Protein backbone atom coordinates (compact mmCIF):
# COMPACT_ATOMS: atom_id res chain seq x y z
CA UNK A 1 329.88 377.88 63.03
CA UNK A 2 330.14 374.78 60.84
CA UNK A 3 327.37 372.19 60.69
CA UNK A 4 329.61 369.72 62.52
CA UNK A 5 330.21 372.23 65.31
CA UNK A 6 326.50 372.96 65.54
CA UNK A 7 325.73 369.28 65.98
CA UNK A 8 328.43 368.91 68.70
CA UNK A 9 327.01 371.93 70.55
CA UNK A 10 323.45 370.57 70.39
CA UNK A 11 324.60 367.21 71.70
CA UNK A 12 326.41 368.91 74.56
CA UNK A 13 323.25 370.79 75.48
CA UNK A 14 321.20 367.59 75.37
CA UNK A 15 323.74 365.79 77.56
CA UNK A 16 323.71 368.61 80.10
CA UNK A 17 319.93 368.54 80.17
CA UNK A 18 319.93 364.78 80.67
CA UNK A 19 322.50 365.01 83.48
CA UNK A 20 320.45 367.76 85.10
CA UNK A 21 317.33 365.62 85.00
CA UNK A 22 319.17 362.61 86.37
CA UNK A 23 320.64 364.73 89.17
CA UNK A 24 317.11 365.48 90.38
CA UNK A 25 316.47 361.77 90.75
CA UNK A 26 319.79 360.70 92.27
CA UNK A 27 320.16 360.96 96.10
CA UNK A 28 322.36 363.88 97.08
CA UNK A 29 321.98 365.66 93.75
CA UNK A 30 318.63 367.33 94.37
CA UNK A 31 318.33 370.59 96.23
CA UNK A 32 315.85 369.06 98.70
CA UNK A 33 317.28 366.92 101.51
CA UNK A 34 315.84 363.59 102.60
CA UNK A 35 316.15 362.69 106.30
CA UNK A 36 317.67 359.26 106.81
CA UNK A 37 317.65 357.68 110.25
CA UNK A 38 321.28 356.90 111.20
CA UNK A 39 321.92 353.17 111.59
CA UNK A 40 322.94 353.77 115.22
CA UNK A 41 319.37 354.89 116.02
CA UNK A 42 317.75 351.79 114.54
CA UNK A 43 317.13 349.14 117.16
CA UNK A 44 316.95 345.59 115.85
CA UNK A 45 314.25 343.59 117.60
CA UNK A 46 314.85 340.24 119.27
CA UNK A 47 312.26 337.50 119.16
CA UNK A 48 310.91 335.59 122.14
CA UNK A 49 307.96 333.38 122.98
CA UNK A 50 305.45 334.02 125.75
CA UNK A 51 306.94 331.12 127.71
CA UNK A 52 310.45 332.57 127.42
CA UNK A 53 309.31 336.01 128.57
CA UNK A 54 307.43 334.53 131.52
CA UNK A 55 310.49 332.50 132.50
CA UNK A 56 312.71 335.60 132.35
CA UNK A 57 310.24 337.69 134.35
CA UNK A 58 309.81 335.05 137.06
CA UNK A 59 313.57 334.51 137.25
CA UNK A 60 314.01 338.23 137.88
CA UNK A 61 311.25 338.17 140.50
CA UNK A 62 312.84 335.23 142.35
CA UNK A 63 316.37 336.61 142.14
CA UNK A 64 315.79 339.74 144.22
CA UNK A 65 315.18 338.89 147.89
CA UNK A 66 316.59 341.99 149.56
CA UNK A 67 318.28 345.21 148.60
CA UNK A 68 320.03 348.20 150.09
CA UNK A 69 319.98 351.33 147.96
CA UNK A 70 321.47 354.79 148.00
CA UNK A 71 319.60 356.96 145.52
CA UNK A 72 318.64 360.40 144.30
CA UNK A 73 314.90 361.07 144.34
CA UNK A 74 313.11 363.54 142.11
CA UNK A 75 309.39 364.29 142.53
CA UNK A 76 307.93 365.68 139.31
CA UNK A 77 305.29 368.28 138.54
CA UNK A 78 301.80 367.62 139.82
CA UNK A 79 303.22 365.45 142.56
CA UNK A 80 301.50 365.17 145.91
CA UNK A 81 304.98 364.53 147.29
CA UNK A 82 305.64 368.23 146.77
CA UNK A 83 302.96 368.95 149.37
CA UNK A 84 305.43 367.60 151.92
CA UNK A 85 308.75 368.54 150.37
CA UNK A 86 307.71 371.50 148.21
CA UNK A 87 310.93 373.33 149.05
CA UNK A 88 313.06 370.60 147.44
CA UNK A 89 313.21 369.85 143.73
CA UNK A 90 315.14 366.69 144.50
CA UNK A 91 316.62 364.96 147.51
CA UNK A 92 318.96 362.20 148.54
CA UNK A 93 317.90 359.05 150.33
CA UNK A 94 318.18 355.41 151.28
CA UNK A 95 316.01 352.35 150.77
CA UNK A 96 316.12 349.04 152.62
CA UNK A 97 313.77 346.30 151.43
CA UNK A 98 313.35 342.59 152.10
CA UNK A 99 310.78 340.09 150.95
CA UNK A 100 308.02 339.48 151.47
CA UNK A 101 306.95 343.07 152.19
CA UNK A 102 309.35 344.97 154.46
CA UNK A 103 310.64 348.36 153.35
CA UNK A 104 312.16 351.47 154.90
CA UNK A 105 312.74 354.71 153.00
CA UNK A 106 314.57 357.74 154.37
CA UNK A 107 314.63 361.02 152.46
CA UNK A 108 317.24 363.66 153.27
CA UNK A 109 317.58 367.30 152.29
CA UNK A 110 320.42 368.12 149.89
CA UNK A 111 323.78 369.19 151.33
CA UNK A 112 322.74 369.37 155.00
CA UNK A 113 321.55 365.75 155.16
CA UNK A 114 318.58 366.50 157.45
CA UNK A 115 315.79 363.94 157.28
CA UNK A 116 312.71 365.03 155.34
CA UNK A 117 310.83 361.83 156.11
CA UNK A 118 311.37 358.34 157.49
CA UNK A 119 308.83 355.67 156.53
CA UNK A 120 308.41 351.92 156.89
CA UNK A 121 305.87 349.31 155.88
CA UNK A 122 305.42 345.60 156.53
CA UNK A 123 302.82 345.14 153.80
CA UNK A 124 299.94 345.55 156.26
CA UNK A 125 300.63 348.87 158.00
CA UNK A 126 302.76 351.88 157.11
CA UNK A 127 304.37 354.30 159.58
CA UNK A 128 305.82 357.66 158.53
CA UNK A 129 307.57 360.37 160.53
CA UNK A 130 307.84 363.86 159.02
CA UNK A 131 310.16 365.92 161.26
CA UNK A 132 309.38 369.32 159.72
CA UNK A 133 305.71 368.89 160.67
CA UNK A 134 306.37 366.79 163.78
CA UNK A 135 303.73 364.33 162.57
CA UNK A 136 303.78 360.54 162.82
CA UNK A 137 301.42 358.90 160.32
CA UNK A 138 300.04 355.37 160.71
CA UNK A 139 297.66 353.64 158.34
CA UNK A 140 296.81 350.62 156.22
CA UNK A 141 299.26 349.83 153.43
CA UNK A 142 296.32 348.86 151.24
CA UNK A 143 294.38 352.08 151.74
CA UNK A 144 292.92 352.72 148.29
CA UNK A 145 291.63 356.25 148.23
CA UNK A 146 293.81 359.34 148.11
CA UNK A 147 293.59 361.76 151.00
CA UNK A 148 292.80 365.43 150.49
CA UNK A 149 295.79 366.13 152.74
CA UNK A 150 298.98 365.83 150.64
CA UNK A 151 301.14 364.47 153.45
CA UNK A 152 298.80 361.50 153.83
CA UNK A 153 299.45 360.20 150.31
CA UNK A 154 303.03 359.15 150.98
CA UNK A 155 303.24 355.36 150.79
CA UNK A 156 306.39 353.20 151.15
CA UNK A 157 304.35 350.35 149.67
CA UNK A 158 304.29 352.10 146.29
CA UNK A 159 308.07 352.02 146.17
CA UNK A 160 308.12 348.39 147.31
CA UNK A 161 305.79 347.47 144.45
CA UNK A 162 308.32 348.95 142.02
CA UNK A 163 311.30 347.16 143.56
CA UNK A 164 309.91 343.65 144.07
CA UNK A 165 308.17 341.95 141.18
CA UNK A 166 305.68 339.23 142.15
CA UNK A 167 305.94 335.89 140.38
CA UNK A 168 303.24 334.97 137.90
CA UNK A 169 301.94 331.43 138.57
CA UNK A 170 302.37 328.90 135.80
CA UNK A 171 298.60 328.40 135.51
CA UNK A 172 297.74 332.12 135.44
CA UNK A 173 296.08 333.34 132.23
CA UNK A 174 298.51 335.60 130.34
CA UNK A 175 298.10 337.27 126.95
CA UNK A 176 300.92 338.43 124.68
CA UNK A 177 300.98 341.23 122.15
CA UNK A 178 303.50 343.20 120.13
CA UNK A 179 303.61 347.00 120.21
CA UNK A 180 305.75 349.28 118.06
CA UNK A 181 306.59 352.89 118.95
CA UNK A 182 309.45 353.74 116.57
CA UNK A 183 312.32 353.39 117.09
CA UNK A 184 311.34 351.05 119.96
CA UNK A 185 309.49 347.76 119.76
CA UNK A 186 307.93 345.87 122.66
CA UNK A 187 306.38 342.63 123.78
CA UNK A 188 303.57 343.13 126.30
CA UNK A 189 302.41 340.39 128.66
CA UNK A 190 298.99 340.99 130.20
CA UNK A 191 298.34 338.96 133.35
CA UNK A 192 294.67 338.47 134.27
CA UNK A 193 292.94 337.74 137.56
CA UNK A 194 289.50 336.33 138.32
CA UNK A 195 287.12 338.43 140.39
CA UNK A 196 283.88 337.43 142.03
CA UNK A 197 280.94 339.38 140.65
CA UNK A 198 277.62 339.19 142.44
CA UNK A 199 278.33 335.81 143.99
CA UNK A 200 279.02 334.23 140.59
CA UNK A 201 281.39 331.32 141.31
CA UNK A 202 282.83 331.52 137.80
CA UNK A 203 283.51 335.23 138.26
CA UNK A 204 284.96 337.48 135.59
CA UNK A 205 288.45 338.26 134.35
CA UNK A 206 290.15 341.62 134.69
CA UNK A 207 293.65 342.97 134.09
CA UNK A 208 296.07 342.51 137.00
CA UNK A 209 299.24 343.88 135.42
CA UNK A 210 300.96 344.54 132.11
CA UNK A 211 304.66 343.85 131.67
CA UNK A 212 306.51 345.55 128.80
CA UNK A 213 309.72 344.02 127.41
CA UNK A 214 312.05 346.10 125.24
CA UNK A 215 312.72 343.91 122.22
CA UNK A 216 316.17 345.47 121.73
CA UNK A 217 317.49 343.46 124.70
CA UNK A 218 314.36 341.85 126.24
CA UNK A 219 314.76 343.76 129.51
CA UNK A 220 311.69 344.87 131.45
CA UNK A 221 310.91 348.43 130.36
CA UNK A 222 307.60 349.06 132.09
CA UNK A 223 305.13 347.50 134.53
CA UNK A 224 301.55 348.70 134.90
CA UNK A 225 299.60 347.57 137.97
CA UNK A 226 295.81 347.63 137.82
CA UNK A 227 293.21 347.85 140.56
CA UNK A 228 289.53 346.93 140.34
CA UNK A 229 287.55 347.55 137.17
CA UNK A 230 290.60 348.35 135.06
CA UNK A 231 291.82 351.23 137.26
CA UNK A 232 295.51 352.00 136.63
CA UNK A 233 297.14 352.28 140.06
CA UNK A 234 300.86 352.29 139.21
CA UNK A 235 302.79 352.89 136.00
CA UNK A 236 306.46 352.07 136.56
CA UNK A 237 309.20 352.66 133.97
CA UNK A 238 312.58 350.89 134.21
CA UNK A 239 315.78 351.84 132.41
CA UNK A 240 319.57 351.52 132.65
CA UNK A 241 319.99 347.80 133.27
CA UNK A 242 323.69 347.12 133.96
CA UNK A 243 324.74 343.85 135.52
CA UNK A 244 324.56 344.45 139.27
CA UNK A 245 326.62 341.80 141.04
CA UNK A 246 326.71 340.93 144.69
CA UNK A 247 329.95 339.63 146.25
CA UNK A 248 330.02 335.83 146.63
CA UNK A 249 328.91 335.48 150.25
CA UNK A 250 326.96 332.69 151.94
CA UNK A 251 323.27 332.93 151.17
CA UNK A 252 323.73 335.46 148.36
CA UNK A 253 322.01 334.64 145.10
CA UNK A 254 323.68 334.56 141.71
CA UNK A 255 324.51 337.74 139.82
CA UNK A 256 321.46 339.46 138.39
CA UNK A 257 320.37 342.66 136.67
CA UNK A 258 318.58 345.54 138.31
CA UNK A 259 317.37 348.80 136.77
CA UNK A 260 319.32 351.86 137.86
CA UNK A 261 316.53 354.32 137.00
CA UNK A 262 312.94 353.75 138.16
CA UNK A 263 310.08 356.17 137.53
CA UNK A 264 306.87 355.65 139.47
CA UNK A 265 303.62 357.28 138.39
CA UNK A 266 300.60 357.01 140.69
CA UNK A 267 297.67 358.54 138.77
CA UNK A 268 295.11 357.96 141.54
CA UNK A 269 297.18 359.89 144.11
CA UNK A 270 298.47 362.32 141.46
CA UNK A 271 302.18 362.01 142.11
CA UNK A 272 305.28 360.90 140.26
CA UNK A 273 308.67 359.98 141.66
CA UNK A 274 311.93 359.14 139.93
CA UNK A 275 314.53 357.05 141.78
CA UNK A 276 318.06 357.14 140.37
CA UNK A 277 320.16 354.48 142.08
CA UNK A 278 323.76 355.45 142.83
CA UNK A 279 324.71 352.49 145.03
CA UNK A 280 323.12 349.06 145.17
CA UNK A 281 323.66 345.94 147.25
CA UNK A 282 321.52 342.89 146.52
CA UNK A 283 320.52 339.89 148.59
CA UNK A 284 322.45 340.63 151.77
CA UNK A 285 320.86 339.99 155.21
CA UNK A 286 319.05 342.97 156.76
CA UNK A 287 318.38 342.93 160.49
CA UNK A 288 314.63 342.99 161.31
CA UNK A 289 315.06 345.98 163.63
CA UNK A 290 316.03 348.08 160.61
CA UNK A 291 312.36 348.04 159.67
CA UNK A 292 311.13 349.24 163.06
CA UNK A 293 310.04 352.89 163.35
CA UNK A 294 308.73 354.06 166.71
CA UNK A 295 306.80 357.28 167.23
CA UNK A 296 309.15 360.01 168.47
CA UNK A 297 308.20 361.54 171.81
CA UNK A 298 306.16 364.71 171.45
CA UNK A 299 305.14 364.11 167.83
CA UNK A 300 301.52 364.28 166.70
CA UNK A 301 299.94 360.91 165.84
CA UNK A 302 297.89 360.87 162.62
CA UNK A 303 295.70 357.85 161.85
CA UNK A 304 295.46 357.95 158.08
CA UNK A 305 292.15 356.77 156.66
CA UNK A 306 290.19 357.17 159.88
CA UNK A 307 287.43 359.68 160.38
CA UNK A 308 288.97 362.96 161.45
CA UNK A 309 292.40 361.91 160.19
CA UNK A 310 294.48 363.03 163.14
CA UNK A 311 294.91 363.02 166.86
CA UNK A 312 295.76 360.60 169.61
CA UNK A 313 293.60 357.43 169.86
């Protein structure tokens, strides 16, 4: 080989070595793969002020005055609901609700359409009929402690709390924070309430509720409701927010949004319930008698929360 050929060969080897080294640095040339999050999975965050979020929340709270729902219900593992409906993994049902605190919920067995339970509440008292046990439960809607008897933990009020958001007064103390859980980003409003402690007129502040806004579209993603001393009573997740419109009829409010999937977690009573709405009518009149549930003849009356728990008065 001539000297000129030797030099050309050496240069070729050097160039190949250089290209090989560069290929290790260039994306796509190395043997190892780097995971890149597709642009479709990245969720750009919108900005909002505390005042804007409060206005949006209160507008949503004011907009919903009544609703009629057809839904699929799914109690999840660890649920006290399964103490009553343990033979069903899910069931079909109906919800009627009207402000300020009226609600009726009927659960039906799949396919055959037989009622599993029928329950109503007016915000003060709840009444529940469970045909399979021939029991008629009556008790305070604000009863705090969970019963050792699974059937006595059913509460229509818990569902009402998830459907109707209370307004937050303009003078209420509210904190705002940002929370990131990739790929999601949130604003969280924490509403406080004053409690009397030992006769102290000034009292102390404690958490009343937390409201989570998904910054991708500023919809309400989650509401956490707190009891005394920071006790988490309800953790409610909202998703699937299409525009739900009511026909233009007298007395009906303007078009509004309403979540189509609601998941209720009640840690104190140890149950979870998912409500998937299949049909929704908003802000139409509901006759008061729809919220009346009388004790069926021959059924056993159970006074929930009273000593002994059952029996005729």
